[in-house]
Amino acid sequence: CLGFLAVVAPGPMDWAESRRRQLLELRNRATVALSAANREDRLVHEARHDSLTGLLNRAGLLEALRDVAGHSTPSSPMAVLFIDVDRFKAVNDAHGHAVGDQVLRDIAVRLARRLPLGAMLARPGGDEFIAVLGKAHAADAVARLAQTICMDLSLVAVANIGPVSLGASIGIAFHDDAQRPVDEVLRHADQAMYEAKRRGKGRHAFFEPELDVAAQRHALIERELPLAVERNELRLVYQPRFDLHDRRIHSAEALVRWHHPTRGLCLPSEFIPVAEDSDLIERVGQWVIEA
């Protein structure tokens, strides 16, 4: 830090050696105190901000969200946009992490320019960004903002490389109750983002309660499916393959079913996609082969 120490007196001062030493000691103490304060401010800033983009990190985001959410009401809700950059991994794989970091910094600048005055922007990690609109915004206005962001990120120019095709999938959730934890609105926005990806990427989706129900169901199946294999709760049914020419059964297709002890029959359309997502499909497949 830079600074100076000024001593003001109404008349001539006695510049004896003892006085000079006292002033030097005062200067040294002030310098140490300022250095400590600057170091503490720097550590606090680093703990709350992303080193790559300078945006809030996850810790800083949660702290800022709590402040904004404390003023949320049904008539003045807080809007959270969970922005996931599409095809970013392909850029990293093709051009390296240095280019990937450059792209993320450029995206941070683009997003900051698009957001309305007073909005917050964070990068909790990876290729994910969170935008927070603290003031009341109508759903259609938030949707228009999301559409603009999707179009703006569809093509990003990178120095020495040229245009890079990206895109964004955005999940939107509203927070209108100061008593609700902010983790909940982040989770809802995250679920809406995955719904946008499921619909084909490059678009936005609003959170609906059904998404939370489906997510809880997914987590439950993922937790209990390994136990189903161990407890022999899986069953096979055989569907005949009938030849219309000779009117004979030539083979049968083996189909797996899960008979849950409390929820009853669980169809493959429910648990097979979960198994494929969590690598449990190999255990289920092995069980089917052995059965």
Protein backbone atom coordinates (compact mmCIF):
# COMPACT_ATOMS: atom_id res chain seq x y z
CA CYS A 1 0.00 0.00 0.00
CA LEU A 2 1.04 3.62 -0.46
CA GLY A 3 0.53 6.34 2.12
CA PHE A 4 2.10 9.06 4.16
CA LEU A 5 2.10 10.16 7.78
CA ALA A 6 1.54 13.89 8.39
CA VAL A 7 2.26 15.56 11.73
CA VAL A 8 0.56 18.92 12.30
CA ALA A 9 1.32 21.27 15.16
CA PRO A 10 0.26 24.88 15.96
CA GLY A 11 3.87 26.02 16.36
CA PRO A 12 7.50 24.95 16.02
CA MET A 13 8.15 21.36 17.11
CA ASP A 14 10.99 19.92 19.11
CA TRP A 15 12.64 17.44 16.70
CA ALA A 16 14.73 15.78 19.39
CA GLU A 17 15.89 12.24 18.71
CA SER A 18 13.36 10.82 21.18
CA ARG A 19 10.50 12.52 19.33
CA ARG A 20 11.82 11.31 16.00
CA ARG A 21 11.93 7.73 17.30
CA GLN A 22 8.34 8.03 18.55
CA LEU A 23 7.18 9.18 15.11
CA LEU A 24 9.07 6.35 13.40
CA GLU A 25 7.52 3.83 15.80
CA LEU A 26 4.05 5.27 15.11
CA ARG A 27 4.70 5.03 11.35
CA ASN A 28 5.85 1.42 11.65
CA ARG A 29 2.80 0.43 13.69
CA ALA A 30 0.46 2.09 11.20
CA THR A 31 2.23 0.34 8.31
CA VAL A 32 1.90 -3.06 9.98
CA ALA A 33 -1.78 -2.45 10.76
CA LEU A 34 -2.54 -1.36 7.17
CA SER A 35 -0.65 -4.33 5.73
CA ALA A 36 -2.58 -6.72 7.97
CA ALA A 37 -5.88 -5.12 7.00
CA ASN A 38 -5.02 -5.28 3.29
CA ARG A 39 -3.97 -8.92 3.62
CA GLU A 40 -7.20 -9.80 5.41
CA ASP A 41 -9.27 -8.00 2.77
CA ARG A 42 -7.39 -9.85 0.03
CA LEU A 43 -7.94 -13.24 1.70
CA VAL A 44 -11.64 -12.52 2.18
CA HIS A 45 -11.95 -11.46 -1.46
CA GLU A 46 -10.14 -14.58 -2.68
CA ALA A 47 -12.35 -16.78 -0.52
CA ARG A 48 -15.50 -15.32 -2.09
CA HIS A 49 -14.43 -14.81 -5.70
CA ASP A 50 -13.42 -16.98 -8.63
CA SER A 51 -9.74 -16.50 -9.50
CA LEU A 52 -10.31 -16.97 -13.25
CA THR A 53 -13.20 -14.59 -13.93
CA GLY A 54 -13.28 -12.42 -10.81
CA LEU A 55 -16.95 -13.30 -10.31
CA LEU A 56 -18.43 -14.57 -7.07
CA ASN A 57 -17.60 -18.22 -6.37
CA ARG A 58 -20.01 -20.63 -4.68
CA ALA A 59 -19.25 -19.39 -1.17
CA GLY A 60 -19.66 -15.75 -2.21
CA LEU A 61 -22.81 -16.59 -4.13
CA LEU A 62 -24.48 -18.28 -1.16
CA GLU A 63 -23.63 -15.34 1.09
CA ALA A 64 -24.97 -12.82 -1.41
CA LEU A 65 -28.07 -14.92 -2.06
CA ARG A 66 -28.97 -14.97 1.62
CA ASP A 67 -28.85 -11.18 1.71
CA VAL A 68 -31.04 -10.79 -1.38
CA ALA A 69 -33.42 -13.63 -0.47
CA GLY A 70 -34.14 -11.98 2.87
CA HIS A 71 -36.15 -9.36 1.00
CA SER A 72 -38.02 -11.76 -1.31
CA THR A 73 -41.82 -11.67 -1.24
CA PRO A 74 -44.54 -13.05 -3.54
CA SER A 75 -44.93 -9.58 -5.04
CA SER A 76 -41.16 -9.08 -5.38
CA PRO A 77 -39.54 -12.47 -5.98
CA MET A 78 -35.87 -13.15 -6.62
CA ALA A 79 -35.10 -14.87 -9.94
CA VAL A 80 -32.17 -17.28 -10.31
CA LEU A 81 -30.84 -18.31 -13.72
CA PHE A 82 -28.66 -21.44 -13.76
CA ILE A 83 -26.58 -21.12 -16.95
CA ASP A 84 -24.69 -24.16 -18.24
CA VAL A 85 -22.43 -23.67 -21.28
CA ASP A 86 -23.14 -26.28 -23.95
CA ARG A 87 -20.30 -28.03 -25.80
CA PHE A 88 -17.63 -26.46 -23.59
CA LYS A 89 -15.91 -29.80 -23.02
CA ALA A 90 -15.41 -30.14 -26.77
CA VAL A 91 -13.56 -26.79 -26.78
CA ASN A 92 -11.31 -27.93 -23.94
CA ASP A 93 -10.61 -31.25 -25.63
CA ALA A 94 -9.88 -29.70 -29.04
CA HIS A 95 -7.94 -26.58 -28.05
CA GLY A 96 -6.70 -27.11 -24.48
CA HIS A 97 -7.47 -25.61 -21.10
CA ALA A 98 -5.78 -22.27 -21.83
CA VAL A 99 -8.29 -21.61 -24.61
CA GLY A 100 -11.06 -22.94 -22.39
CA ASP A 101 -10.12 -20.43 -19.69
CA GLN A 102 -10.14 -17.65 -22.28
CA VAL A 103 -13.63 -18.69 -23.38
CA LEU A 104 -14.90 -18.69 -19.79
CA ARG A 105 -13.53 -15.20 -19.20
CA ASP A 106 -15.18 -13.98 -22.40
CA ILE A 107 -18.48 -15.57 -21.40
CA ALA A 108 -18.29 -13.87 -18.00
CA VAL A 109 -17.91 -10.48 -19.72
CA ARG A 110 -20.77 -11.20 -22.13
CA LEU A 111 -23.11 -12.23 -19.33
CA ALA A 112 -22.25 -9.21 -17.19
CA ARG A 113 -23.12 -6.94 -20.13
CA ARG A 114 -26.47 -8.66 -20.70
CA LEU A 115 -27.70 -8.62 -17.11
CA PRO A 116 -29.78 -5.69 -15.85
CA LEU A 117 -28.38 -3.15 -13.43
CA GLY A 118 -28.14 -4.54 -9.89
CA ALA A 119 -28.05 -8.20 -10.94
CA MET A 120 -25.41 -10.53 -9.49
CA LEU A 121 -23.29 -12.96 -11.46
CA ALA A 122 -21.31 -15.91 -10.12
CA ARG A 123 -19.27 -18.83 -11.40
CA PRO A 124 -19.64 -21.61 -8.82
CA GLY A 125 -17.39 -23.88 -10.87
CA GLY A 126 -16.61 -25.45 -14.24
CA ASP A 127 -18.71 -24.11 -17.10
CA GLU A 128 -21.64 -23.10 -14.88
CA PHE A 129 -22.72 -19.55 -14.17
CA ILE A 130 -25.45 -18.24 -11.86
CA ALA A 131 -27.28 -14.98 -12.45
CA VAL A 132 -29.44 -13.51 -9.68
CA LEU A 133 -32.06 -10.85 -10.31
CA GLY A 134 -32.90 -9.41 -6.94
CA LYS A 135 -35.74 -7.11 -7.93
CA ALA A 136 -39.18 -8.14 -9.13
CA HIS A 137 -39.05 -9.33 -12.73
CA ALA A 138 -41.98 -10.79 -14.64
CA ALA A 139 -41.57 -14.33 -15.92
CA ASP A 140 -41.79 -13.23 -19.56
CA ALA A 141 -39.05 -10.64 -19.03
CA VAL A 142 -36.79 -13.28 -17.46
CA ALA A 143 -37.58 -15.62 -20.36
CA ARG A 144 -36.59 -12.95 -22.89
CA LEU A 145 -33.32 -12.42 -21.02
CA ALA A 146 -32.63 -16.16 -21.07
CA GLN A 147 -33.33 -16.32 -24.82
CA THR A 148 -30.97 -13.43 -25.42
CA ILE A 149 -28.21 -15.14 -23.42
CA CYS A 150 -28.71 -18.39 -25.34
CA MET A 151 -28.35 -16.58 -28.67
CA ASP A 152 -25.40 -14.51 -27.46
CA LEU A 153 -23.47 -17.61 -26.36
CA SER A 154 -24.27 -19.66 -29.45
CA LEU A 155 -21.08 -18.38 -31.11
CA VAL A 156 -18.04 -17.08 -29.20
CA ALA A 157 -14.98 -15.67 -30.97
CA VAL A 158 -11.63 -16.83 -29.59
CA ALA A 159 -8.36 -15.06 -30.38
CA ASN A 160 -6.12 -16.96 -32.84
CA ILE A 161 -8.84 -19.58 -33.34
CA GLY A 162 -11.93 -17.83 -34.58
CA PRO A 163 -15.61 -18.48 -33.88
CA VAL A 164 -16.38 -21.36 -31.52
CA SER A 165 -19.84 -22.94 -31.51
CA LEU A 166 -21.15 -23.20 -27.96
CA GLY A 167 -24.59 -22.38 -26.63
CA ALA A 168 -26.30 -22.37 -23.25
CA SER A 169 -28.94 -24.31 -21.38
CA ILE A 170 -30.64 -22.18 -18.72
CA GLY A 171 -32.82 -23.18 -15.80
CA ILE A 172 -34.96 -20.51 -14.11
CA ALA A 173 -36.39 -20.61 -10.61
CA PHE A 174 -38.06 -17.96 -8.43
CA HIS A 175 -37.65 -17.40 -4.70
CA ASP A 176 -40.53 -15.56 -3.02
CA ASP A 177 -40.27 -16.62 0.63
CA ALA A 178 -37.57 -15.17 2.88
CA GLN A 179 -37.91 -18.16 5.22
CA ARG A 180 -36.96 -20.73 2.58
CA PRO A 181 -33.28 -21.73 2.37
CA VAL A 182 -31.44 -20.40 -0.68
CA ASP A 183 -30.03 -23.86 -1.41
CA GLU A 184 -33.54 -24.83 -2.47
CA VAL A 185 -33.85 -22.22 -5.22
CA LEU A 186 -30.41 -23.17 -6.53
CA ARG A 187 -31.44 -26.82 -6.64
CA HIS A 188 -34.66 -25.94 -8.44
CA ALA A 189 -32.81 -23.82 -11.00
CA ASP A 190 -30.36 -26.69 -11.52
CA GLN A 191 -33.23 -29.13 -12.12
CA ALA A 192 -34.79 -26.73 -14.62
CA MET A 193 -31.44 -26.44 -16.42
CA TYR A 194 -31.28 -30.23 -16.88
CA GLU A 195 -34.84 -30.12 -18.19
CA ALA A 196 -33.71 -27.54 -20.77
CA LYS A 197 -30.88 -29.88 -21.79
CA ARG A 198 -33.31 -32.78 -22.03
CA ARG A 199 -35.43 -30.75 -24.44
CA GLY A 200 -32.46 -30.27 -26.76
CA LYS A 201 -30.04 -27.71 -25.24
CA GLY A 202 -29.69 -24.12 -26.38
CA ARG A 203 -32.88 -23.12 -24.60
CA HIS A 204 -34.34 -22.28 -21.20
CA ALA A 205 -36.86 -23.96 -18.91
CA PHE A 206 -38.73 -22.83 -15.81
CA PHE A 207 -38.78 -24.92 -12.68
CA GLU A 208 -41.96 -26.90 -12.11
CA PRO A 209 -42.74 -28.94 -8.96
CA GLU A 210 -42.91 -32.09 -11.11
CA LEU A 211 -39.17 -31.75 -11.76
CA ASP A 212 -38.45 -31.96 -8.05
CA VAL A 213 -40.71 -35.01 -7.68
CA ALA A 214 -38.91 -36.71 -10.58
CA ALA A 215 -35.51 -35.86 -9.10
CA GLN A 216 -36.48 -37.32 -5.73
CA ARG A 217 -37.77 -40.43 -7.46
CA HIS A 218 -34.54 -40.74 -9.44
CA ALA A 219 -32.44 -40.45 -6.26
CA LEU A 220 -34.61 -43.06 -4.50
CA ILE A 221 -34.25 -45.57 -7.33
CA GLU A 222 -30.51 -44.94 -7.55
CA ARG A 223 -30.21 -45.61 -3.82
CA GLU A 224 -32.39 -48.74 -3.69
CA LEU A 225 -31.63 -50.46 -7.01
CA PRO A 226 -28.33 -52.01 -5.78
CA LEU A 227 -30.27 -53.49 -2.86
CA ALA A 228 -32.87 -54.87 -5.27
CA VAL A 229 -30.17 -56.93 -6.98
CA GLU A 230 -28.81 -58.20 -3.66
CA ARG A 231 -32.27 -59.02 -2.25
CA ASN A 232 -33.40 -60.80 -5.40
CA GLU A 233 -36.27 -58.38 -6.00
CA LEU A 234 -35.79 -58.48 -9.78
CA ARG A 235 -37.92 -60.81 -11.87
CA LEU A 236 -37.90 -61.92 -15.51
CA VAL A 237 -40.95 -62.21 -17.71
CA TYR A 238 -40.79 -63.80 -21.14
CA GLN A 239 -42.54 -62.38 -24.19
CA PRO A 240 -43.00 -64.98 -26.95
CA ARG A 241 -41.85 -64.25 -30.51
CA PHE A 242 -44.56 -65.76 -32.73
CA ASP A 243 -44.02 -66.51 -36.43
CA LEU A 244 -47.20 -65.78 -38.39
CA HIS A 245 -46.10 -68.01 -41.30
CA ASP A 246 -45.91 -71.33 -39.44
CA ARG A 247 -47.88 -70.16 -36.37
CA ARG A 248 -45.17 -71.31 -34.02
CA ILE A 249 -43.28 -69.70 -31.14
CA HIS A 250 -39.65 -69.53 -32.21
CA SER A 251 -38.13 -67.67 -29.25
CA ALA A 252 -38.90 -65.42 -26.30
CA GLU A 253 -37.64 -62.04 -25.20
CA ALA A 254 -36.54 -61.79 -21.55
CA LEU A 255 -37.83 -58.61 -19.87
CA VAL A 256 -36.77 -57.53 -16.40
CA ARG A 257 -39.20 -56.26 -13.76
CA TRP A 258 -38.56 -54.92 -10.27
CA HIS A 259 -41.00 -55.95 -7.56
CA HIS A 260 -40.35 -53.48 -4.76
CA PRO A 261 -41.44 -54.72 -1.31
CA THR A 262 -43.38 -51.54 -0.49
CA ARG A 263 -44.00 -49.72 -3.81
CA GLY A 264 -44.98 -52.76 -5.81
CA LEU A 265 -44.15 -53.20 -9.49
CA CYS A 266 -41.49 -50.82 -10.86
CA LEU A 267 -41.35 -50.87 -14.65
CA PRO A 268 -38.11 -50.78 -16.70
CA SER A 269 -38.99 -47.34 -18.06
CA GLU A 270 -38.48 -46.06 -14.50
CA PHE A 271 -35.34 -47.83 -13.32
CA ILE A 272 -33.39 -48.75 -16.48
CA PRO A 273 -32.56 -45.08 -17.38
CA VAL A 274 -31.41 -44.56 -13.78
CA ALA A 275 -29.28 -47.70 -14.00
CA GLU A 276 -27.71 -46.48 -17.24
CA ASP A 277 -26.91 -43.06 -15.76
CA SER A 278 -25.30 -44.52 -12.62
CA ASP A 279 -23.45 -47.51 -14.17
CA LEU A 280 -25.74 -49.91 -12.30
CA ILE A 281 -26.83 -51.26 -15.67
CA GLU A 282 -23.87 -53.68 -15.67
CA ARG A 283 -25.03 -55.27 -12.41
CA VAL A 284 -28.61 -55.51 -13.67
CA GLY A 285 -27.41 -56.95 -16.97
CA GLN A 286 -25.28 -59.54 -15.22
CA TRP A 287 -28.23 -60.57 -13.09
CA VAL A 288 -30.42 -60.96 -16.19
CA ILE A 289 -27.82 -63.12 -17.94
CA GLU A 290 -27.43 -65.38 -14.92
CA ALA A 291 -31.21 -65.61 -14.38
